[in-house]
Amino acid sequence: MQEMTRRILLGVAAVGLAVGVALRAQEMPRFTEVLRQTNGEVALKVAVTAGRHFRLETTEELPSWRTLATAKSLGTNPFTDGGARFASTRFYRAVEVSDSGVFVGDHVQTATGDVVIHPVNHASFLMRWNDVVIYNDPVGEASLYQGLPRANLILISHSHGDHFSSATLTAVKQAETILIAPAAVYSSLSSILKVQTIPLANGGLTNVLGLTVEAIPAYNSNHPKGTGNGYVVTMGSRRFYMSGDTGNIPEMRALPNIDVAFLCMNVPFTMPVTDAANATRAFRPRVIYPYHFRNQDNTYANLNTLKQLVGFDLEIDVRSRKWY
C-alpha cells in the first residue's frame, strides 16, 4: 500500500504541475491533497480559482487520459475516486475549461461520447449524452434546476411525491420533450403531458432519441408490483439502471451487463443497506450510485457500511456523491 501511495503522489505532482503551468501560471489548477484511504479510495483536493470550470482527469497508462468529472470550482474542491481501489498506478491532472455551456458531473465513457451524470436531490438527477439530456424523477422547486439544460427525455418511476411532480415536469420540459412513465402515473397526467408521454409497463421496451429504454419491475411491501418502473437505459453500448423504489427483488438481481446502477437505499420505503449490498453483489454493476438514502448516518443507509459490504473482490466502484 505504501508503494502504491508513493506512485500515485508522484504522478499527481508531475502531471498536475505541468498542466497548471500550461494554462495560467498565476491561477494554475493544483492538487492540495492526494491521500490513499484505508479502503483503497483516493481522496483528492483540487485548488482552482473559484467560479471557473475544470476537468479532473485520470489514467493508468500515459499519455492517454479520461475524464472523471467536470466541476465548477468552489476554490478548493474535494473529490473521492473509488475506482482507484482497483488500479496499481493512478495519475491525475486538473484542466481548466473555458467552453460555454459547461455541464458538470461525473463522466462515464461510451463508444459514442461521454455520459455526464449530475445529481440534483434524493432520487432526481440528470444524464447528458452528447445532445440528449435525460431527467430521472424530477421533483422539487424550480430553483433546483436553474441553469440546467431542459429535458429531452424524462423518466418517471412511480407516483409518490418524492419521484413525481406535475409542476416540476412542466418547469423542466420542452414542447418536444418525451416522457416515459408507468400506467399508474400516465393516468394522472394532464392532457398536455399525456400527449408527450409513452406509457411503459414492466417488461416493456422503447427506442427514443438514439437510445433504448427498458422498464424493469420495481416493487416491495410499500410499492405493489406493476405500479412502478425501474429503467435500464442503453447509450453508446453502456447500460444504466435506475432502480426506482424497490426491494431486493429477483428481477433486479438477474439484470445482465449493467455498467452503472442508481440504487435506492433506506427504510421503510426501499432497501436497507444489507439488501442494497446483497443485490449489488448479485448483478455486479461496474459502478453504483446509492441514492434515495436521505441521512447517510442512518444505520439502514450508511454509505461506509455499503462500501464495506459490497467489498473489493468484484471491483465494483461505489460512488458517494452529494444528493443532500
Protein backbone atom coordinates (compact mmCIF):
# COMPACT_ATOMS: atom_id res chain seq x y z
CA MET A 1 0.00 0.00 0.00
CA GLN A 2 2.86 2.43 0.77
CA GLU A 3 4.41 1.82 -2.65
CA MET A 4 1.03 2.33 -4.32
CA THR A 5 0.55 5.63 -2.49
CA ARG A 6 4.02 6.84 -3.46
CA ARG A 7 3.42 6.13 -7.15
CA ILE A 8 0.13 8.00 -7.13
CA LEU A 9 1.64 11.02 -5.41
CA LEU A 10 4.47 11.21 -7.91
CA GLY A 11 2.04 11.03 -10.80
CA VAL A 12 -0.08 13.85 -9.43
CA ALA A 13 2.86 16.11 -8.62
CA ALA A 14 4.48 15.80 -12.02
CA VAL A 15 1.41 15.80 -14.25
CA GLY A 16 -0.72 18.25 -12.27
CA LEU A 17 2.10 20.82 -12.24
CA ALA A 18 2.74 20.53 -15.96
CA VAL A 19 -0.92 21.12 -16.80
CA GLY A 20 -1.21 24.06 -14.44
CA VAL A 21 1.77 25.87 -15.94
CA ALA A 22 0.46 25.34 -19.45
CA LEU A 23 -2.79 27.10 -18.54
CA ARG A 24 -2.04 30.11 -16.40
CA ALA A 25 0.89 30.39 -14.05
CA GLN A 26 -0.78 32.73 -11.54
CA GLU A 27 -4.01 30.69 -11.31
CA MET A 28 -2.92 27.19 -12.22
CA PRO A 29 -5.01 24.23 -11.00
CA ARG A 30 -3.09 22.36 -8.36
CA PHE A 31 -3.60 19.41 -6.03
CA THR A 32 -3.50 20.31 -2.34
CA GLU A 33 -4.27 16.80 -1.13
CA VAL A 34 -3.88 13.32 -2.56
CA LEU A 35 -4.43 10.66 0.05
CA ARG A 36 -4.88 6.92 -0.28
CA GLN A 37 -7.61 5.93 2.20
CA THR A 38 -7.56 2.73 4.22
CA ASN A 39 -10.30 1.32 1.96
CA GLY A 40 -8.16 1.94 -1.14
CA GLU A 41 -10.01 5.01 -2.41
CA VAL A 42 -8.09 8.17 -3.19
CA ALA A 43 -9.23 11.46 -1.62
CA LEU A 44 -8.26 14.48 -3.71
CA LYS A 45 -8.47 18.22 -3.19
CA VAL A 46 -8.03 20.41 -6.26
CA ALA A 47 -7.43 24.15 -5.95
CA VAL A 48 -8.87 26.11 -8.88
CA THR A 49 -9.94 29.77 -8.98
CA ALA A 50 -13.49 29.95 -7.62
CA GLY A 51 -16.17 30.17 -10.30
CA ARG A 52 -14.07 28.58 -13.03
CA HIS A 53 -14.85 25.19 -14.52
CA PHE A 54 -12.32 22.39 -14.62
CA ARG A 55 -11.97 18.75 -15.60
CA LEU A 56 -10.45 16.16 -13.31
CA GLU A 57 -8.75 13.51 -15.43
CA THR A 58 -7.02 10.24 -14.70
CA THR A 59 -5.07 7.48 -16.37
CA GLU A 60 -3.22 4.29 -15.54
CA GLU A 61 -1.26 4.39 -18.78
CA LEU A 62 0.31 7.61 -20.01
CA PRO A 63 -0.16 9.51 -22.28
CA SER A 64 -3.88 8.64 -22.62
CA TRP A 65 -6.35 10.43 -20.31
CA ARG A 66 -10.03 10.06 -19.48
CA THR A 67 -12.29 12.50 -17.63
CA LEU A 68 -13.53 11.56 -14.16
CA ALA A 69 -15.61 14.69 -13.63
CA THR A 70 -16.27 18.24 -14.76
CA ALA A 71 -16.95 20.71 -11.97
CA LYS A 72 -17.42 24.39 -11.17
CA SER A 73 -14.77 25.41 -8.68
CA LEU A 74 -15.57 26.48 -5.15
CA GLY A 75 -11.92 27.35 -4.62
CA THR A 76 -10.84 24.09 -3.01
CA ASN A 77 -12.68 21.11 -4.44
CA PRO A 78 -12.79 17.67 -2.74
CA PHE A 79 -13.25 14.52 -4.81
CA THR A 80 -13.18 10.82 -3.95
CA ASP A 81 -12.00 8.36 -6.59
CA GLY A 82 -13.38 4.93 -5.73
CA GLY A 83 -12.06 3.39 -8.92
CA ALA A 84 -8.53 3.87 -7.61
CA ARG A 85 -9.06 0.82 -5.39
CA PHE A 86 -8.63 -1.41 -8.42
CA ALA A 87 -5.58 0.24 -10.02
CA SER A 88 -1.97 -0.33 -9.04
CA THR A 89 -0.94 3.03 -10.51
CA ARG A 90 -3.10 6.14 -10.90
CA PHE A 91 -2.17 9.52 -12.34
CA TYR A 92 -4.35 12.65 -12.12
CA ARG A 93 -4.42 16.05 -13.71
CA ALA A 94 -6.75 19.07 -13.50
CA VAL A 95 -7.51 21.06 -16.64
CA GLU A 96 -9.32 24.38 -16.65
CA VAL A 97 -12.32 24.52 -19.03
CA SER A 98 -13.41 27.75 -20.70
CA ASP A 99 -16.11 26.39 -23.03
CA SER A 100 -19.56 27.96 -22.78
CA GLY A 101 -22.45 25.78 -21.67
CA VAL A 102 -20.33 23.52 -19.46
CA PHE A 103 -22.36 20.66 -17.93
CA VAL A 104 -20.92 19.48 -14.64
CA GLY A 105 -20.90 15.97 -13.22
CA ASP A 106 -19.19 12.59 -13.31
CA HIS A 107 -18.18 11.21 -16.69
CA VAL A 108 -18.79 7.67 -17.95
CA GLN A 109 -17.10 6.83 -21.23
CA THR A 110 -19.09 5.21 -24.06
CA ALA A 111 -18.19 4.33 -27.64
CA THR A 112 -20.09 7.40 -28.84
CA GLY A 113 -19.34 10.12 -26.30
CA ASP A 114 -19.30 10.52 -22.53
CA VAL A 115 -22.41 10.30 -20.39
CA VAL A 116 -22.23 13.04 -17.74
CA ILE A 117 -24.14 12.39 -14.51
CA HIS A 118 -25.43 15.31 -12.44
CA PRO A 119 -27.18 14.56 -9.10
CA VAL A 120 -29.86 17.04 -8.05
CA ASN A 121 -31.55 15.74 -4.89
CA HIS A 122 -32.80 12.47 -3.36
CA ALA A 123 -33.88 10.50 -6.49
CA SER A 124 -33.69 13.34 -9.02
CA PHE A 125 -30.72 13.55 -11.37
CA LEU A 126 -29.72 14.35 -14.95
CA MET A 127 -27.64 12.49 -17.50
CA ARG A 128 -26.31 14.19 -20.61
CA TRP A 129 -25.17 12.13 -23.57
CA ASN A 130 -23.98 14.28 -26.48
CA ASP A 131 -27.06 16.45 -27.23
CA VAL A 132 -29.56 14.34 -25.25
CA VAL A 133 -30.49 15.46 -21.73
CA ILE A 134 -32.27 12.86 -19.59
CA TYR A 135 -34.06 13.71 -16.34
CA ASN A 136 -34.84 10.97 -13.81
CA ASP A 137 -37.77 11.55 -11.42
CA PRO A 138 -37.54 15.37 -11.37
CA VAL A 139 -39.27 16.86 -8.31
CA GLY A 140 -38.77 19.89 -6.11
CA GLU A 141 -38.55 23.63 -6.55
CA ALA A 142 -37.71 25.03 -9.97
CA SER A 143 -34.66 26.69 -8.37
CA LEU A 144 -33.01 23.25 -8.09
CA TYR A 145 -32.88 23.14 -11.90
CA GLN A 146 -31.85 26.74 -12.51
CA GLY A 147 -29.02 26.90 -15.03
CA LEU A 148 -29.50 23.28 -16.12
CA PRO A 149 -30.50 22.38 -19.69
CA ARG A 150 -34.14 21.49 -20.38
CA ALA A 151 -35.01 17.84 -20.75
CA ASN A 152 -35.18 15.89 -23.99
CA LEU A 153 -36.31 12.76 -22.14
CA ILE A 154 -37.90 12.38 -18.69
CA LEU A 155 -38.17 9.05 -16.87
CA ILE A 156 -40.78 8.75 -14.12
CA SER A 157 -40.62 5.70 -11.87
CA HIS A 158 -43.87 5.93 -9.88
CA SER A 159 -46.47 8.25 -8.41
CA HIS A 160 -45.04 9.04 -4.94
CA GLY A 161 -44.40 12.72 -4.35
CA ASP A 162 -40.63 12.33 -3.96
CA HIS A 163 -40.48 10.94 -7.52
CA PHE A 164 -43.34 12.58 -9.40
CA SER A 165 -44.44 16.22 -9.61
CA SER A 166 -46.51 17.63 -12.46
CA ALA A 167 -45.34 21.15 -11.59
CA THR A 168 -41.67 20.18 -11.82
CA LEU A 169 -42.23 18.30 -15.06
CA THR A 170 -43.77 21.42 -16.57
CA ALA A 171 -40.82 23.52 -15.35
CA VAL A 172 -38.08 21.33 -16.90
CA LYS A 173 -39.66 20.03 -20.10
CA GLN A 174 -39.77 21.48 -23.60
CA ALA A 175 -42.54 21.22 -26.20
CA GLU A 176 -40.75 18.27 -27.83
CA THR A 177 -39.71 16.50 -24.61
CA ILE A 178 -40.60 12.81 -24.39
CA LEU A 179 -41.80 11.42 -21.06
CA ILE A 180 -41.84 7.73 -20.13
CA ALA A 181 -43.97 6.57 -17.20
CA PRO A 182 -45.88 3.57 -15.83
CA ALA A 183 -49.65 3.43 -16.41
CA ALA A 184 -50.40 4.49 -12.82
CA VAL A 185 -48.61 7.79 -13.47
CA TYR A 186 -49.85 8.21 -17.05
CA SER A 187 -53.49 8.09 -15.93
CA SER A 188 -52.94 11.03 -13.55
CA LEU A 189 -51.24 13.33 -16.08
CA SER A 190 -52.84 16.37 -17.63
CA SER A 191 -53.95 16.07 -21.24
CA ILE A 192 -50.98 18.19 -22.31
CA LEU A 193 -48.48 15.91 -20.57
CA LYS A 194 -50.21 12.75 -21.80
CA VAL A 195 -49.60 13.78 -25.40
CA GLN A 196 -45.85 13.81 -24.71
CA THR A 197 -45.80 10.58 -22.67
CA ILE A 198 -45.10 6.96 -23.61
CA PRO A 199 -46.76 4.63 -21.07
CA LEU A 200 -44.46 1.67 -20.44
CA ALA A 201 -45.38 -1.38 -18.37
CA ASN A 202 -42.93 -3.68 -16.57
CA GLY A 203 -41.02 -5.59 -19.24
CA GLY A 204 -41.76 -3.01 -21.94
CA LEU A 205 -39.11 -1.54 -24.24
CA THR A 206 -38.95 1.53 -26.45
CA ASN A 207 -36.34 3.26 -28.63
CA VAL A 208 -36.19 7.06 -28.50
CA LEU A 209 -33.59 9.72 -29.30
CA GLY A 210 -31.00 7.13 -30.31
CA LEU A 211 -31.19 5.20 -27.04
CA THR A 212 -33.12 2.23 -25.68
CA VAL A 213 -35.29 2.29 -22.56
CA GLU A 214 -36.42 -0.91 -20.81
CA ALA A 215 -38.97 -0.86 -17.97
CA ILE A 216 -37.83 -3.07 -15.09
CA PRO A 217 -40.18 -4.16 -12.26
CA ALA A 218 -39.79 -2.13 -9.07
CA TYR A 219 -41.75 -3.28 -6.03
CA ASN A 220 -41.73 -4.15 -2.34
CA SER A 221 -44.21 -4.17 0.55
CA ASN A 222 -44.85 -0.43 0.10
CA HIS A 223 -44.97 -0.45 -3.70
CA PRO A 224 -47.32 -3.01 -5.31
CA LYS A 225 -45.87 -4.89 -8.25
CA GLY A 226 -46.81 -3.35 -11.59
CA THR A 227 -47.37 0.19 -10.32
CA GLY A 228 -43.79 1.38 -10.67
CA ASN A 229 -40.83 1.05 -13.02
CA GLY A 230 -37.12 0.87 -12.73
CA TYR A 231 -35.37 1.59 -16.03
CA VAL A 232 -32.39 0.34 -17.99
CA VAL A 233 -31.21 2.94 -20.49
CA THR A 234 -28.66 1.92 -23.12
CA MET A 235 -26.48 4.70 -24.52
CA GLY A 236 -23.50 4.01 -26.75
CA SER A 237 -23.44 0.34 -25.63
CA ARG A 238 -23.34 1.31 -21.92
CA ARG A 239 -26.26 0.19 -19.75
CA PHE A 240 -27.53 2.46 -16.96
CA TYR A 241 -30.00 1.14 -14.38
CA MET A 242 -32.28 3.35 -12.26
CA SER A 243 -33.93 1.28 -9.58
CA GLY A 244 -36.92 3.45 -8.66
CA ASP A 245 -38.32 2.38 -5.29
CA THR A 246 -37.81 -1.34 -4.94
CA GLY A 247 -36.74 -4.16 -2.70
CA ASN A 248 -34.06 -6.77 -3.27
CA ILE A 249 -36.12 -8.43 -6.00
CA PRO A 250 -35.13 -11.28 -8.34
CA GLU A 251 -35.69 -9.16 -11.48
CA MET A 252 -33.02 -6.74 -10.31
CA ARG A 253 -30.63 -9.43 -9.14
CA ALA A 254 -30.79 -11.03 -12.60
CA LEU A 255 -30.03 -7.87 -14.60
CA PRO A 256 -27.22 -8.56 -17.10
CA ASN A 257 -24.30 -6.33 -18.09
CA ILE A 258 -25.12 -3.21 -16.08
CA ASP A 259 -22.37 -0.61 -16.28
CA VAL A 260 -23.82 1.99 -13.92
CA ALA A 261 -26.58 1.48 -11.33
CA PHE A 262 -28.51 4.04 -9.27
CA LEU A 263 -29.71 2.03 -6.31
CA CYS A 264 -32.25 3.14 -3.70
CA MET A 265 -31.31 2.62 -0.07
CA ASN A 266 -33.36 3.39 3.04
CA VAL A 267 -36.26 2.04 5.08
CA PRO A 268 -39.18 1.59 5.17
CA PHE A 269 -39.82 2.56 1.54
CA THR A 270 -36.82 0.98 -0.18
CA MET A 271 -33.94 -1.31 0.86
CA PRO A 272 -31.81 -1.41 3.99
CA VAL A 273 -28.07 -1.24 3.38
CA THR A 274 -27.68 -5.02 3.76
CA ASP A 275 -30.19 -5.70 0.95
CA ALA A 276 -28.66 -3.00 -1.26
CA ALA A 277 -25.22 -4.59 -0.88
CA ASN A 278 -26.61 -8.07 -1.44
CA ALA A 279 -28.35 -7.01 -4.65
CA THR A 280 -25.25 -5.15 -5.87
CA ARG A 281 -23.10 -8.23 -5.43
CA ALA A 282 -25.71 -10.30 -7.28
CA PHE A 283 -25.97 -8.28 -10.52
CA ARG A 284 -22.47 -6.76 -10.33
CA PRO A 285 -22.68 -3.30 -11.90
CA ARG A 286 -19.31 -1.74 -12.63
CA VAL A 287 -20.32 1.47 -10.85
CA ILE A 288 -23.04 2.06 -8.26
CA TYR A 289 -24.51 5.34 -7.06
CA PRO A 290 -26.50 4.84 -3.86
CA TYR A 291 -29.35 7.37 -3.82
CA HIS A 292 -32.65 7.94 -2.00
CA PHE A 293 -30.77 7.48 1.30
CA ARG A 294 -31.60 10.83 2.96
CA ASN A 295 -29.48 10.67 6.13
CA GLN A 296 -26.26 8.77 5.40
CA ASP A 297 -25.64 8.33 9.15
CA ASN A 298 -28.80 6.26 9.40
CA THR A 299 -27.97 2.67 10.35
CA TYR A 300 -30.07 1.42 7.45
CA ALA A 301 -28.49 3.70 4.85
CA ASN A 302 -24.88 4.18 5.86
CA LEU A 303 -22.64 4.70 2.85
CA ASN A 304 -19.48 3.44 4.53
CA THR A 305 -21.30 0.27 5.57
CA LEU A 306 -22.46 -0.20 1.98
CA LYS A 307 -18.88 0.04 0.70
CA GLN A 308 -17.70 -2.47 3.28
CA LEU A 309 -20.47 -4.95 2.46
CA VAL A 310 -20.01 -4.64 -1.32
CA GLY A 311 -16.31 -5.31 -0.75
CA PHE A 312 -13.30 -5.26 -3.07
CA ASP A 313 -13.33 -8.64 -4.75
CA LEU A 314 -15.86 -7.86 -7.51
CA GLU A 315 -14.24 -4.50 -8.37
CA ILE A 316 -17.48 -2.50 -8.02
CA ASP A 317 -16.93 1.25 -7.67
CA VAL A 318 -19.36 2.56 -5.02
CA ARG A 319 -19.60 6.32 -5.59
CA SER A 320 -20.68 8.66 -2.80
CA ARG A 321 -21.91 11.93 -4.25
CA LYS A 322 -23.79 14.98 -2.95
CA TRP A 323 -27.53 14.22 -3.06
CA TYR A 324 -28.46 16.25 0.02
